[in-house]
Amino acid sequence: MRTEEPTTPEQVTALRALIGAQWLRLAGRLYCPARKMEAAGLCQQHPGWPDHRLDAGVHRIFTPA
C-alpha cells in the first residue's frame, strides 16, 4: 500500500502555472525515480523474482497499452 501526501492548494496553483516545456522538464526529472520506486515495490512484493522479471514488470507498468 502506498502512502501519499495530499496535494496542497499552493502546489496545484504552481503546477497549473507551468508551460509545456516546464512540464516536460519536470516529467523527465521524475521518470527515472518513479521507475526505481516501482522496481523497489515489485521487488518487495515478489522477492524471488530475478532482475529480468522485475525489469519486465516495470516496463509493463510504464508502457501504455
N, C-alpha and C. Protein backbone atom coordinates (compact mmCIF):
# COMPACT_ATOMS: atom_id res chain seq x y z
N MET A 1 0.83 -1.17 0.00
CA MET A 1 0.00 0.00 0.00
C MET A 1 0.88 1.24 0.00
N ARG A 2 0.54 2.22 -0.80
CA ARG A 2 1.30 3.45 -0.90
C ARG A 2 0.69 4.51 0.00
N THR A 3 1.55 5.29 0.58
CA THR A 3 1.08 6.43 1.35
C THR A 3 1.54 7.68 0.63
N GLU A 4 0.62 8.53 0.30
CA GLU A 4 0.93 9.75 -0.42
C GLU A 4 0.40 10.93 0.36
N GLU A 5 1.19 12.00 0.33
CA GLU A 5 0.73 13.22 0.97
C GLU A 5 -0.25 13.91 0.02
N PRO A 6 -1.29 14.52 0.57
CA PRO A 6 -2.23 15.22 -0.30
C PRO A 6 -1.57 16.44 -0.95
N THR A 7 -2.01 16.76 -2.13
CA THR A 7 -1.51 17.93 -2.83
C THR A 7 -2.11 19.18 -2.19
N THR A 8 -1.26 20.15 -1.91
CA THR A 8 -1.74 21.38 -1.29
C THR A 8 -2.28 22.32 -2.36
N PRO A 9 -3.15 23.25 -1.98
CA PRO A 9 -3.64 24.24 -2.96
C PRO A 9 -2.51 25.03 -3.61
N GLU A 10 -1.45 25.31 -2.85
CA GLU A 10 -0.31 26.04 -3.41
C GLU A 10 0.39 25.22 -4.49
N GLN A 11 0.52 23.91 -4.26
CA GLN A 11 1.14 23.04 -5.26
C GLN A 11 0.29 22.98 -6.52
N VAL A 12 -1.01 22.88 -6.35
CA VAL A 12 -1.91 22.85 -7.51
C VAL A 12 -1.76 24.13 -8.32
N THR A 13 -1.74 25.26 -7.66
CA THR A 13 -1.59 26.55 -8.35
C THR A 13 -0.27 26.59 -9.11
N ALA A 14 0.81 26.16 -8.47
CA ALA A 14 2.12 26.17 -9.12
C ALA A 14 2.15 25.23 -10.32
N LEU A 15 1.57 24.05 -10.21
CA LEU A 15 1.55 23.10 -11.33
C LEU A 15 0.70 23.61 -12.49
N ARG A 16 -0.40 24.28 -12.19
CA ARG A 16 -1.25 24.83 -13.25
C ARG A 16 -0.57 25.96 -14.00
N ALA A 17 0.39 26.62 -13.36
CA ALA A 17 1.09 27.74 -13.98
C ALA A 17 2.21 27.28 -14.92
N LEU A 18 2.57 26.01 -14.89
CA LEU A 18 3.66 25.52 -15.74
C LEU A 18 3.27 25.56 -17.21
N ILE A 19 4.24 25.91 -18.06
CA ILE A 19 4.02 25.84 -19.50
C ILE A 19 4.55 24.51 -20.01
N GLY A 20 4.29 24.21 -21.26
CA GLY A 20 4.63 22.91 -21.85
C GLY A 20 6.06 22.46 -21.62
N ALA A 21 7.02 23.33 -21.90
CA ALA A 21 8.43 22.95 -21.75
C ALA A 21 8.76 22.65 -20.29
N GLN A 22 8.16 23.40 -19.38
CA GLN A 22 8.40 23.15 -17.96
C GLN A 22 7.82 21.80 -17.54
N TRP A 23 6.64 21.46 -18.07
CA TRP A 23 6.03 20.15 -17.78
C TRP A 23 6.95 19.03 -18.25
N LEU A 24 7.51 19.20 -19.45
CA LEU A 24 8.39 18.16 -19.99
C LEU A 24 9.65 18.00 -19.15
N ARG A 25 10.25 19.11 -18.70
CA ARG A 25 11.43 19.01 -17.84
C ARG A 25 11.09 18.32 -16.53
N LEU A 26 9.96 18.70 -15.94
CA LEU A 26 9.55 18.09 -14.68
C LEU A 26 9.30 16.60 -14.86
N ALA A 27 8.61 16.23 -15.93
CA ALA A 27 8.35 14.81 -16.19
C ALA A 27 9.65 14.04 -16.38
N GLY A 28 10.59 14.64 -17.08
CA GLY A 28 11.87 13.99 -17.30
C GLY A 28 12.64 13.77 -16.01
N ARG A 29 12.57 14.72 -15.09
CA ARG A 29 13.25 14.59 -13.81
C ARG A 29 12.60 13.55 -12.91
N LEU A 30 11.31 13.31 -13.08
CA LEU A 30 10.59 12.38 -12.22
C LEU A 30 10.54 10.96 -12.76
N TYR A 31 10.80 10.79 -14.05
CA TYR A 31 10.63 9.49 -14.70
C TYR A 31 11.54 8.40 -14.10
N CYS A 32 12.84 8.66 -14.03
CA CYS A 32 13.76 7.64 -13.51
C CYS A 32 13.50 7.31 -12.04
N PRO A 33 13.31 8.32 -11.18
CA PRO A 33 12.99 7.98 -9.79
C PRO A 33 11.69 7.18 -9.66
N ALA A 34 10.71 7.48 -10.50
CA ALA A 34 9.44 6.74 -10.45
C ALA A 34 9.65 5.28 -10.85
N ARG A 35 10.46 5.05 -11.87
CA ARG A 35 10.75 3.67 -12.27
C ARG A 35 11.48 2.91 -11.16
N LYS A 36 12.42 3.59 -10.49
CA LYS A 36 13.16 2.95 -9.40
C LYS A 36 12.22 2.60 -8.24
N MET A 37 11.28 3.49 -7.95
CA MET A 37 10.33 3.22 -6.87
C MET A 37 9.42 2.05 -7.23
N GLU A 38 8.98 1.98 -8.47
CA GLU A 38 8.14 0.86 -8.90
C GLU A 38 8.93 -0.44 -8.82
N ALA A 39 10.20 -0.40 -9.23
CA ALA A 39 11.04 -1.61 -9.15
C ALA A 39 11.21 -2.06 -7.71
N ALA A 40 11.42 -1.11 -6.81
CA ALA A 40 11.56 -1.45 -5.39
C ALA A 40 10.27 -2.06 -4.85
N GLY A 41 9.13 -1.51 -5.27
CA GLY A 41 7.85 -2.06 -4.83
C GLY A 41 7.63 -3.48 -5.33
N LEU A 42 7.95 -3.71 -6.61
CA LEU A 42 7.81 -5.06 -7.16
C LEU A 42 8.77 -6.03 -6.46
N CYS A 43 9.98 -5.57 -6.18
CA CYS A 43 10.96 -6.41 -5.51
C CYS A 43 10.47 -6.80 -4.11
N GLN A 44 9.82 -5.86 -3.45
CA GLN A 44 9.29 -6.15 -2.11
C GLN A 44 8.11 -7.12 -2.19
N GLN A 45 7.26 -6.95 -3.19
CA GLN A 45 6.10 -7.82 -3.35
C GLN A 45 6.49 -9.21 -3.82
N HIS A 46 7.55 -9.29 -4.62
CA HIS A 46 7.97 -10.55 -5.24
C HIS A 46 9.49 -10.74 -5.03
N PRO A 47 9.91 -11.04 -3.81
CA PRO A 47 11.34 -11.11 -3.51
C PRO A 47 12.09 -12.20 -4.29
N GLY A 48 11.41 -13.18 -4.79
CA GLY A 48 12.08 -14.25 -5.52
C GLY A 48 12.25 -13.99 -7.00
N TRP A 49 11.69 -12.91 -7.50
CA TRP A 49 11.79 -12.63 -8.93
C TRP A 49 13.21 -12.25 -9.31
N PRO A 50 13.70 -12.80 -10.43
CA PRO A 50 15.03 -12.38 -10.93
C PRO A 50 14.94 -10.97 -11.53
N ASP A 51 16.09 -10.35 -11.72
CA ASP A 51 16.13 -8.97 -12.22
C ASP A 51 15.40 -8.79 -13.55
N HIS A 52 15.54 -9.76 -14.46
CA HIS A 52 14.90 -9.59 -15.77
C HIS A 52 13.37 -9.57 -15.64
N ARG A 53 12.84 -10.31 -14.67
CA ARG A 53 11.39 -10.31 -14.48
C ARG A 53 10.93 -9.00 -13.84
N LEU A 54 11.72 -8.47 -12.90
CA LEU A 54 11.41 -7.17 -12.30
C LEU A 54 11.44 -6.09 -13.37
N ASP A 55 12.47 -6.13 -14.23
CA ASP A 55 12.57 -5.14 -15.32
C ASP A 55 11.36 -5.22 -16.24
N ALA A 56 10.93 -6.44 -16.55
CA ALA A 56 9.75 -6.61 -17.40
C ALA A 56 8.49 -6.08 -16.73
N GLY A 57 8.38 -6.28 -15.42
CA GLY A 57 7.23 -5.77 -14.68
C GLY A 57 7.18 -4.25 -14.68
N VAL A 58 8.33 -3.62 -14.47
CA VAL A 58 8.40 -2.16 -14.50
C VAL A 58 8.07 -1.66 -15.90
N HIS A 59 8.62 -2.30 -16.90
CA HIS A 59 8.34 -1.91 -18.30
C HIS A 59 6.84 -1.99 -18.59
N ARG A 60 6.20 -3.04 -18.13
CA ARG A 60 4.76 -3.21 -18.36
C ARG A 60 3.96 -2.09 -17.70
N ILE A 61 4.38 -1.69 -16.50
CA ILE A 61 3.68 -0.63 -15.78
C ILE A 61 3.83 0.71 -16.51
N PHE A 62 4.99 0.98 -17.08
CA PHE A 62 5.27 2.28 -17.69
C PHE A 62 4.99 2.34 -19.19
N THR A 63 4.56 1.25 -19.77
CA THR A 63 4.27 1.24 -21.20
C THR A 63 2.77 1.31 -21.43
N PRO A 64 2.33 2.32 -22.19
CA PRO A 64 0.87 2.41 -22.43
C PRO A 64 0.36 1.20 -23.20
N ALA A 65 -0.85 0.81 -22.90
CA ALA A 65 -1.45 -0.35 -23.56
C ALA A 65 -1.85 -0.06 -24.98
